[in-house]
PDB file of N, CA and C in Angstrom:
ATOM      1  N   UNK A   1     -58.089 -35.886  14.712  1.00  0.00           N
ATOM      2  CA  UNK A   1     -57.274 -35.567  14.125  1.00  0.00           C
ATOM      3  C   UNK A   1     -56.242 -34.119  14.411  1.00  0.00           C
ATOM      4  N   UNK A   2     -55.013 -34.919  14.031  1.00  0.00           N
ATOM      5  CA  UNK A   2     -54.225 -33.663  15.018  1.00  0.00           C
ATOM      6  C   UNK A   2     -53.499 -33.427  13.913  1.00  0.00           C
ATOM      7  N   UNK A   3     -53.388 -31.655  14.291  1.00  0.00           N
ATOM      8  CA  UNK A   3     -52.733 -30.718  12.964  1.00  0.00           C
ATOM      9  C   UNK A   3     -51.280 -30.372  13.900  1.00  0.00           C
ATOM     10  N   UNK A   4     -50.108 -30.352  12.492  1.00  0.00           N
ATOM     11  CA  UNK A   4     -49.338 -30.398  13.033  1.00  0.00           C
ATOM     12  C   UNK A   4     -48.881 -27.912  13.681  1.00  0.00           C
ATOM     13  N   UNK A   5     -47.948 -28.317  14.056  1.00  0.00           N
ATOM     14  CA  UNK A   5     -47.777 -27.519  14.382  1.00  0.00           C
ATOM     15  C   UNK A   5     -46.444 -26.534  14.722  1.00  0.00           C
ATOM     16  N   UNK A   6     -45.646 -25.722  13.830  1.00  0.00           N
ATOM     17  CA  UNK A   6     -44.616 -25.929  14.282  1.00  0.00           C
ATOM     18  C   UNK A   6     -44.479 -24.116  14.611  1.00  0.00           C
ATOM     19  N   UNK A   7     -44.029 -24.716  16.258  1.00  0.00           N
ATOM     20  CA  UNK A   7     -42.832 -23.923  16.844  1.00  0.00           C
ATOM     21  C   UNK A   7     -42.602 -22.323  16.472  1.00  0.00           C
ATOM     22  N   UNK A   8     -43.165 -20.907  17.207  1.00  0.00           N
ATOM     23  CA  UNK A   8     -42.553 -19.923  16.548  1.00  0.00           C
ATOM     24  C   UNK A   8     -40.897 -19.862  16.799  1.00  0.00           C
ATOM     25  N   UNK A   9     -40.348 -20.242  17.811  1.00  0.00           N
ATOM     26  CA  UNK A   9     -39.225 -19.830  18.134  1.00  0.00           C
ATOM     27  C   UNK A   9     -38.782 -21.607  17.722  1.00  0.00           C
ATOM     28  N   UNK A  10     -37.955 -21.715  18.115  1.00  0.00           N
ATOM     29  CA  UNK A  10     -37.683 -23.298  17.291  1.00  0.00           C
ATOM     30  C   UNK A  10     -35.928 -23.825  17.759  1.00  0.00           C
ATOM     31  N   UNK A  11     -37.000 -25.252  18.387  1.00  0.00           N
ATOM     32  CA  UNK A  11     -36.102 -25.153  19.440  1.00  0.00           C
ATOM     33  C   UNK A  11     -34.295 -25.217  18.648  1.00  0.00           C
ATOM     34  N   UNK A  12     -33.761 -25.523  17.289  1.00  0.00           N
ATOM     35  CA  UNK A  12     -32.752 -25.413  18.131  1.00  0.00           C
ATOM     36  C   UNK A  12     -32.608 -23.730  18.035  1.00  0.00           C
ATOM     37  N   UNK A  13     -33.110 -22.380  18.223  1.00  0.00           N
ATOM     38  CA  UNK A  13     -32.766 -21.328  18.066  1.00  0.00           C
ATOM     39  C   UNK A  13     -32.477 -20.746  19.448  1.00  0.00           C
ATOM     40  N   UNK A  14     -33.168 -20.985  20.151  1.00  0.00           N
ATOM     41  CA  UNK A  14     -33.347 -20.983  21.727  1.00  0.00           C
ATOM     42  C   UNK A  14     -33.510 -18.803  21.848  1.00  0.00           C
ATOM     43  N   UNK A  15     -32.147 -18.825  21.662  1.00  0.00           N
ATOM     44  CA  UNK A  15     -31.889 -16.679  21.650  1.00  0.00           C
ATOM     45  C   UNK A  15     -32.483 -16.186  20.755  1.00  0.00           C
ATOM     46  N   UNK A  16     -33.972 -16.942  20.977  1.00  0.00           N
ATOM     47  CA  UNK A  16     -34.523 -15.745  19.858  1.00  0.00           C
ATOM     48  C   UNK A  16     -36.038 -15.068  21.253  1.00  0.00           C
ATOM     49  N   UNK A  17     -36.072 -14.116  20.784  1.00  0.00           N
ATOM     50  CA  UNK A  17     -37.434 -13.306  21.797  1.00  0.00           C
ATOM     51  C   UNK A  17     -38.193 -13.158  20.267  1.00  0.00           C
ATOM     52  N   UNK A  18     -39.633 -12.822  21.103  1.00  0.00           N
ATOM     53  CA  UNK A  18     -41.181 -12.156  20.200  1.00  0.00           C
ATOM     54  C   UNK A  18     -41.294 -10.991  21.141  1.00  0.00           C
ATOM     55  N   UNK A  19     -41.258 -10.449  19.992  1.00  0.00           N
ATOM     56  CA  UNK A  19     -41.487  -8.426  20.559  1.00  0.00           C
ATOM     57  C   UNK A  19     -42.830  -8.225  19.558  1.00  0.00           C
ATOM     58  N   UNK A  20     -43.929  -8.026  20.277  1.00  0.00           N
ATOM     59  CA  UNK A  20     -45.931  -8.080  19.049  1.00  0.00           C
ATOM     60  C   UNK A  20     -46.642  -8.144  20.077  1.00  0.00           C
ATOM     61  N   UNK A  21     -47.744  -7.997  19.508  1.00  0.00           N
ATOM     62  CA  UNK A  21     -49.516  -8.084  20.021  1.00  0.00           C
ATOM     63  C   UNK A  21     -49.230  -9.536  20.909  1.00  0.00           C
ATOM     64  N   UNK A  22     -50.201  -9.232  21.679  1.00  0.00           N
ATOM     65  CA  UNK A  22     -50.036 -11.316  22.538  1.00  0.00           C
ATOM     66  C   UNK A  22     -51.635 -10.980  22.381  1.00  0.00           C
ATOM     67  N   UNK A  23     -52.128 -12.670  23.106  1.00  0.00           N
ATOM     68  CA  UNK A  23     -53.224 -12.290  22.876  1.00  0.00           C
ATOM     69  C   UNK A  23     -53.568 -13.391  24.222  1.00  0.00           C
ATOM     70  N   UNK A  24     -54.056 -13.518  25.548  1.00  0.00           N
ATOM     71  CA  UNK A  24     -54.150 -14.657  26.207  1.00  0.00           C
ATOM     72  C   UNK A  24     -52.890 -14.886  26.358  1.00  0.00           C
ATOM     73  N   UNK A  25     -51.238 -13.848  26.453  1.00  0.00           N
ATOM     74  CA  UNK A  25     -49.983 -14.677  27.294  1.00  0.00           C
ATOM     75  C   UNK A  25     -49.059 -15.751  25.749  1.00  0.00           C
ATOM     76  N   UNK A  26     -50.068 -15.467  24.428  1.00  0.00           N
ATOM     77  CA  UNK A  26     -49.104 -15.736  23.580  1.00  0.00           C
ATOM     78  C   UNK A  26     -48.723 -14.838  22.380  1.00  0.00           C
ATOM     79  N   UNK A  27     -48.753 -15.528  21.188  1.00  0.00           N
ATOM     80  CA  UNK A  27     -47.705 -14.431  20.410  1.00  0.00           C
ATOM     81  C   UNK A  27     -48.756 -14.585  19.832  1.00  0.00           C
ATOM     82  N   UNK A  28     -49.623 -13.714  18.782  1.00  0.00           N
ATOM     83  CA  UNK A  28     -50.644 -13.566  18.119  1.00  0.00           C
ATOM     84  C   UNK A  28     -50.923 -12.116  17.607  1.00  0.00           C
ATOM     85  N   UNK A  29     -51.112 -11.522  15.786  1.00  0.00           N
ATOM     86  CA  UNK A  29     -50.793 -10.395  15.863  1.00  0.00           C
ATOM     87  C   UNK A  29     -49.723 -10.519  14.445  1.00  0.00           C
ATOM     88  N   UNK A  30     -49.142  -9.348  15.144  1.00  0.00           N
ATOM     89  CA  UNK A  30     -48.190  -9.010  14.045  1.00  0.00           C
ATOM     90  C   UNK A  30     -47.113  -8.713  15.412  1.00  0.00           C
ATOM     91  N   UNK A  31     -46.343  -9.314  14.463  1.00  0.00           N
ATOM     92  CA  UNK A  31     -44.916  -8.960  15.654  1.00  0.00           C
ATOM     93  C   UNK A  31     -43.710 -10.004  14.625  1.00  0.00           C
ATOM     94  N   UNK A  32     -42.262  -9.498  16.159  1.00  0.00           N
ATOM     95  CA  UNK A  32     -40.870  -9.970  14.558  1.00  0.00           C
ATOM     96  C   UNK A  32     -40.030 -11.121  15.787  1.00  0.00           C
ATOM     97  N   UNK A  33     -39.705 -11.502  15.573  1.00  0.00           N
ATOM     98  CA  UNK A  33     -38.818 -12.693  15.998  1.00  0.00           C
ATOM     99  C   UNK A  33     -37.285 -12.397  15.781  1.00  0.00           C
ATOM    100  N   UNK A  34     -36.642 -11.964  17.443  1.00  0.00           N
ATOM    101  CA  UNK A  34     -35.213 -11.405  16.203  1.00  0.00           C
ATOM    102  C   UNK A  34     -33.872 -12.369  17.663  1.00  0.00           C
ATOM    103  N   UNK A  35     -33.616 -11.804  16.675  1.00  0.00           N
ATOM    104  CA  UNK A  35     -32.497 -13.204  17.546  1.00  0.00           C
ATOM    105  C   UNK A  35     -31.167 -11.725  18.601  1.00  0.00           C
ATOM    106  N   UNK A  36     -31.607 -13.175  20.269  1.00  0.00           N
ATOM    107  CA  UNK A  36     -30.265 -12.222  21.310  1.00  0.00           C
ATOM    108  C   UNK A  36     -29.378 -12.390  21.367  1.00  0.00           C
ATOM    109  N   UNK A  37     -29.251 -13.387  20.123  1.00  0.00           N
ATOM    110  CA  UNK A  37     -26.915 -13.906  19.445  1.00  0.00           C
ATOM    111  C   UNK A  37     -26.409 -12.690  19.370  1.00  0.00           C
ATOM    112  N   UNK A  38     -27.437 -12.097  18.293  1.00  0.00           N
ATOM    113  CA  UNK A  38     -27.072 -11.119  17.129  1.00  0.00           C
ATOM    114  C   UNK A  38     -27.853  -9.775  17.181  1.00  0.00           C
ATOM    115  N   UNK A  39     -28.743  -9.981  17.329  1.00  0.00           N
ATOM    116  CA  UNK A  39     -29.943  -9.005  17.421  1.00  0.00           C
ATOM    117  C   UNK A  39     -29.747  -8.695  16.364  1.00  0.00           C
ATOM    118  N   UNK A  40     -30.403  -9.257  15.128  1.00  0.00           N
ATOM    119  CA  UNK A  40     -31.368  -8.852  13.783  1.00  0.00           C
ATOM    120  C   UNK A  40     -32.470  -9.893  13.701  1.00  0.00           C
ATOM    121  N   UNK A  41     -33.065  -9.979  13.060  1.00  0.00           N
ATOM    122  CA  UNK A  41     -34.742 -10.011  13.344  1.00  0.00           C
ATOM    123  C   UNK A  41     -34.423 -10.484  11.982  1.00  0.00           C
ATOM    124  N   UNK A  42     -35.574 -12.422  12.412  1.00  0.00           N
ATOM    125  CA  UNK A  42     -35.215 -13.925  11.659  1.00  0.00           C
ATOM    126  C   UNK A  42     -37.165 -13.585  11.501  1.00  0.00           C
ATOM    127  N   UNK A  43     -37.688 -12.806  11.952  1.00  0.00           N
ATOM    128  CA  UNK A  43     -39.360 -13.346  11.855  1.00  0.00           C
ATOM    129  C   UNK A  43     -39.796 -11.739  11.611  1.00  0.00           C
ATOM    130  N   UNK A  44     -40.554 -11.145  11.090  1.00  0.00           N
ATOM    131  CA  UNK A  44     -41.321 -10.278  10.813  1.00  0.00           C
ATOM    132  C   UNK A  44     -42.562 -10.424  10.500  1.00  0.00           C
ATOM    133  N   UNK A  45     -43.664 -10.375  11.374  1.00  0.00           N
ATOM    134  CA  UNK A  45     -45.205 -10.147  10.649  1.00  0.00           C
ATOM    135  C   UNK A  45     -46.200 -10.563  11.144  1.00  0.00           C
ATOM    136  N   UNK A  46     -47.779 -11.286  10.627  1.00  0.00           N
ATOM    137  CA  UNK A  46     -48.559 -11.729  10.997  1.00  0.00           C
ATOM    138  C   UNK A  46     -48.071 -13.274  11.477  1.00  0.00           C
ATOM    139  N   UNK A  47     -48.173 -12.792  13.153  1.00  0.00           N
ATOM    140  CA  UNK A  47     -47.932 -13.976  13.931  1.00  0.00           C
ATOM    141  C   UNK A  47     -49.622 -15.325  14.390  1.00  0.00           C
ATOM    142  N   UNK A  48     -50.047 -16.077  14.327  1.00  0.00           N
ATOM    143  CA  UNK A  48     -50.834 -16.911  14.664  1.00  0.00           C
ATOM    144  C   UNK A  48     -51.022 -17.856  15.653  1.00  0.00           C
ATOM    145  N   UNK A  49     -51.761 -17.478  16.905  1.00  0.00           N
ATOM    146  CA  UNK A  49     -51.645 -18.987  18.259  1.00  0.00           C
ATOM    147  C   UNK A  49     -49.484 -19.495  17.950  1.00  0.00           C
ATOM    148  N   UNK A  50     -48.208 -18.828  17.494  1.00  0.00           N
ATOM    149  CA  UNK A  50     -47.069 -18.787  18.403  1.00  0.00           C
ATOM    150  C   UNK A  50     -46.815 -19.123  17.075  1.00  0.00           C
ATOM    151  N   UNK A  51     -47.139 -19.454  15.588  1.00  0.00           N
ATOM    152  CA  UNK A  51     -46.735 -19.736  14.380  1.00  0.00           C
ATOM    153  C   UNK A  51     -46.849 -18.808  13.800  1.00  0.00           C
ATOM    154  N   UNK A  52     -46.166 -18.729  12.830  1.00  0.00           N
ATOM    155  CA  UNK A  52     -45.628 -17.976  11.392  1.00  0.00           C
ATOM    156  C   UNK A  52     -47.175 -18.408  10.084  1.00  0.00           C
ATOM    157  N   UNK A  53     -48.563 -16.839  10.874  1.00  0.00           N
ATOM    158  CA  UNK A  53     -49.517 -17.347   9.695  1.00  0.00           C
ATOM    159  C   UNK A  53     -49.925 -15.711   9.463  1.00  0.00           C
ATOM    160  N   UNK A  54     -50.183 -16.082   8.089  1.00  0.00           N
ATOM    161  CA  UNK A  54     -49.857 -14.462   7.236  1.00  0.00           C
ATOM    162  C   UNK A  54     -49.092 -13.922   7.193  1.00  0.00           C
ATOM    163  N   UNK A  55     -49.088 -12.392   6.027  1.00  0.00           N
ATOM    164  CA  UNK A  55     -48.123 -12.154   5.234  1.00  0.00           C
ATOM    165  C   UNK A  55     -46.758 -12.102   6.169  1.00  0.00           C
ATOM    166  N   UNK A  56     -45.916 -11.699   5.873  1.00  0.00           N
ATOM    167  CA  UNK A  56     -44.428 -12.142   6.968  1.00  0.00           C
ATOM    168  C   UNK A  56     -43.109 -11.738   5.876  1.00  0.00           C
ATOM    169  N   UNK A  57     -42.823 -11.529   5.895  1.00  0.00           N
ATOM    170  CA  UNK A  57     -40.768 -12.196   5.893  1.00  0.00           C
ATOM    171  C   UNK A  57     -40.496 -12.401   6.677  1.00  0.00           C
ATOM    172  N   UNK A  58     -39.342 -13.424   6.250  1.00  0.00           N
ATOM    173  CA  UNK A  58     -38.757 -14.268   6.562  1.00  0.00           C
ATOM    174  C   UNK A  58     -36.363 -13.739   6.750  1.00  0.00           C
ATOM    175  N   UNK A  59     -36.251 -14.040   7.433  1.00  0.00           N
ATOM    176  CA  UNK A  59     -34.984 -13.120   7.120  1.00  0.00           C
ATOM    177  C   UNK A  59     -33.993 -14.667   7.728  1.00  0.00           C
ATOM    178  N   UNK A  60     -31.979 -14.880   7.478  1.00  0.00           N
ATOM    179  CA  UNK A  60     -31.585 -15.042   6.900  1.00  0.00           C
ATOM    180  C   UNK A  60     -30.635 -14.568   7.778  1.00  0.00           C
ATOM    181  N   UNK A  61     -29.345 -14.436   8.613  1.00  0.00           N
ATOM    182  CA  UNK A  61     -28.352 -13.740   9.061  1.00  0.00           C
ATOM    183  C   UNK A  61     -28.516 -12.505   8.331  1.00  0.00           C
ATOM    184  N   UNK A  62     -29.945 -12.037   7.876  1.00  0.00           N
ATOM    185  CA  UNK A  62     -29.839  -9.898   8.413  1.00  0.00           C
ATOM    186  C   UNK A  62     -30.215 -10.125   6.750  1.00  0.00           C
ATOM    187  N   UNK A  63     -30.506 -10.759   6.141  1.00  0.00           N
ATOM    188  CA  UNK A  63     -31.187 -10.661   4.409  1.00  0.00           C
ATOM    189  C   UNK A  63     -32.243 -11.161   4.905  1.00  0.00           C
ATOM    190  N   UNK A  64     -32.633 -10.957   3.866  1.00  0.00           N
ATOM    191  CA  UNK A  64     -34.214 -11.351   3.691  1.00  0.00           C
ATOM    192  C   UNK A  64     -34.006 -12.521   2.299  1.00  0.00           C
ATOM    193  N   UNK A  65     -34.867 -13.379   3.354  1.00  0.00           N
ATOM    194  CA  UNK A  65     -34.509 -14.735   2.563  1.00  0.00           C
ATOM    195  C   UNK A  65     -36.093 -14.931   2.582  1.00  0.00           C
ATOM    196  N   UNK A  66     -36.880 -14.875   2.162  1.00  0.00           N
ATOM    197  CA  UNK A  66     -39.008 -14.896   2.623  1.00  0.00           C
ATOM    198  C   UNK A  66     -39.423 -13.428   2.229  1.00  0.00           C
ATOM    199  N   UNK A  67     -40.717 -13.647   1.471  1.00  0.00           N
ATOM    200  CA  UNK A  67     -41.506 -12.892   1.823  1.00  0.00           C
ATOM    201  C   UNK A  67     -43.193 -13.670   1.280  1.00  0.00           C
ATOM    202  N   UNK A  68     -43.964 -12.828   1.540  1.00  0.00           N
ATOM    203  CA  UNK A  68     -45.318 -13.520   1.092  1.00  0.00           C
ATOM    204  C   UNK A  68     -46.239 -13.998   2.828  1.00  0.00           C
ATOM    205  N   UNK A  69     -47.059 -15.374   1.709  1.00  0.00           N
ATOM    206  CA  UNK A  69     -47.715 -15.405   2.944  1.00  0.00           C
ATOM    207  C   UNK A  69     -47.221 -16.629   3.045  1.00  0.00           C
ATOM    208  N   UNK A  70     -47.468 -16.674   4.390  1.00  0.00           N
ATOM    209  CA  UNK A  70     -46.880 -17.875   5.597  1.00  0.00           C
ATOM    210  C   UNK A  70     -48.941 -18.447   6.408  1.00  0.00           C
ATOM    211  N   UNK A  71     -49.000 -20.079   6.127  1.00  0.00           N
ATOM    212  CA  UNK A  71     -49.383 -21.440   6.527  1.00  0.00           C
ATOM    213  C   UNK A  71     -48.689 -22.029   7.170  1.00  0.00           C
ATOM    214  N   UNK A  72     -49.148 -22.082   8.935  1.00  0.00           N
ATOM    215  CA  UNK A  72     -48.703 -23.841  10.001  1.00  0.00           C
ATOM    216  C   UNK A  72     -46.968 -22.987  10.301  1.00  0.00           C
ATOM    217  N   UNK A  73     -46.476 -21.872   9.818  1.00  0.00           N
ATOM    218  CA  UNK A  73     -45.087 -22.012   9.025  1.00  0.00           C
ATOM    219  C   UNK A  73     -44.102 -21.393   8.343  1.00  0.00           C
ATOM    220  N   UNK A  74     -45.140 -21.848   7.810  1.00  0.00           N
ATOM    221  CA  UNK A  74     -44.512 -22.453   6.356  1.00  0.00           C
ATOM    222  C   UNK A  74     -44.859 -21.310   4.904  1.00  0.00           C
ATOM    223  N   UNK A  75     -44.046 -20.919   4.310  1.00  0.00           N
ATOM    224  CA  UNK A  75     -44.527 -19.710   3.077  1.00  0.00           C
ATOM    225  C   UNK A  75     -45.426 -20.767   2.351  1.00  0.00           C
ATOM    226  N   UNK A  76     -46.498 -20.160   1.551  1.00  0.00           N
ATOM    227  CA  UNK A  76     -47.030 -21.184   0.953  1.00  0.00           C
ATOM    228  C   UNK A  76     -47.121 -20.346  -0.412  1.00  0.00           C
ATOM    229  N   UNK A  77     -47.427 -19.124  -0.452  1.00  0.00           N
ATOM    230  CA  UNK A  77     -46.649 -17.619  -1.397  1.00  0.00           C
ATOM    231  C   UNK A  77     -45.622 -16.873  -1.132  1.00  0.00           C
ATOM    232  N   UNK A  78     -45.157 -16.377  -2.952  1.00  0.00           N
ATOM    233  CA  UNK A  78     -44.005 -15.183  -2.363  1.00  0.00           C
ATOM    234  C   UNK A  78     -43.019 -15.594  -2.794  1.00  0.00           C
ATOM    235  N   UNK A  79     -42.100 -15.209  -3.045  1.00  0.00           N
ATOM    236  CA  UNK A  79     -40.805 -14.793  -2.880  1.00  0.00           C
ATOM    237  C   UNK A  79     -39.632 -15.443  -2.336  1.00  0.00           C
ATOM    238  N   UNK A  80     -38.899 -16.192  -2.415  1.00  0.00           N
ATOM    239  CA  UNK A  80     -37.380 -16.910  -1.902  1.00  0.00           C
ATOM    240  C   UNK A  80     -36.334 -16.251  -2.345  1.00  0.00           C
ATOM    241  N   UNK A  81     -35.939 -15.916  -1.630  1.00  0.00           N
ATOM    242  CA  UNK A  81     -34.254 -15.155  -2.898  1.00  0.00           C
ATOM    243  C   UNK A  81     -33.494 -16.355  -2.304  1.00  0.00           C
ATOM    244  N   UNK A  82     -32.404 -15.864  -3.484  1.00  0.00           N
ATOM    245  CA  UNK A  82     -31.376 -17.462  -3.017  1.00  0.00           C
ATOM    246  C   UNK A  82     -30.591 -15.989  -2.661  1.00  0.00           C
ATOM    247  N   UNK A  83     -29.039 -15.984  -2.010  1.00  0.00           N
ATOM    248  CA  UNK A  83     -27.545 -15.916  -1.908  1.00  0.00           C
ATOM    249  C   UNK A  83     -27.655 -14.832  -2.429  1.00  0.00           C
ATOM    250  N   UNK A  84     -27.518 -14.772  -4.232  1.00  0.00           N
ATOM    251  CA  UNK A  84     -26.421 -14.411  -4.661  1.00  0.00           C
ATOM    252  C   UNK A  84     -27.879 -12.791  -5.792  1.00  0.00           C
ATOM    253  N   UNK A  85     -28.716 -12.860  -4.037  1.00  0.00           N
ATOM    254  CA  UNK A  85     -29.481 -11.657  -4.913  1.00  0.00           C
ATOM    255  C   UNK A  85     -30.618 -12.425  -5.712  1.00  0.00           C
TER     256      UNK A  85
END
């Protein structure tokens, strides 16, 4: 059975950098994904095998967009904020 995997740095955001804990050369543990174009944090939190997994916060254009528990790159529990607060 194949498992779908969401990369920590999606193909459409090639200008991103991971900064955080590594295990065997792969993102594992606490870390941040930062846009090299805007120098803004895109994600901050737990990562397992280069995928958002565990407690974390996702940002959009420098504004908190989602915070909670992520599983395989998707938020499964928490809060999603809309653009007007």
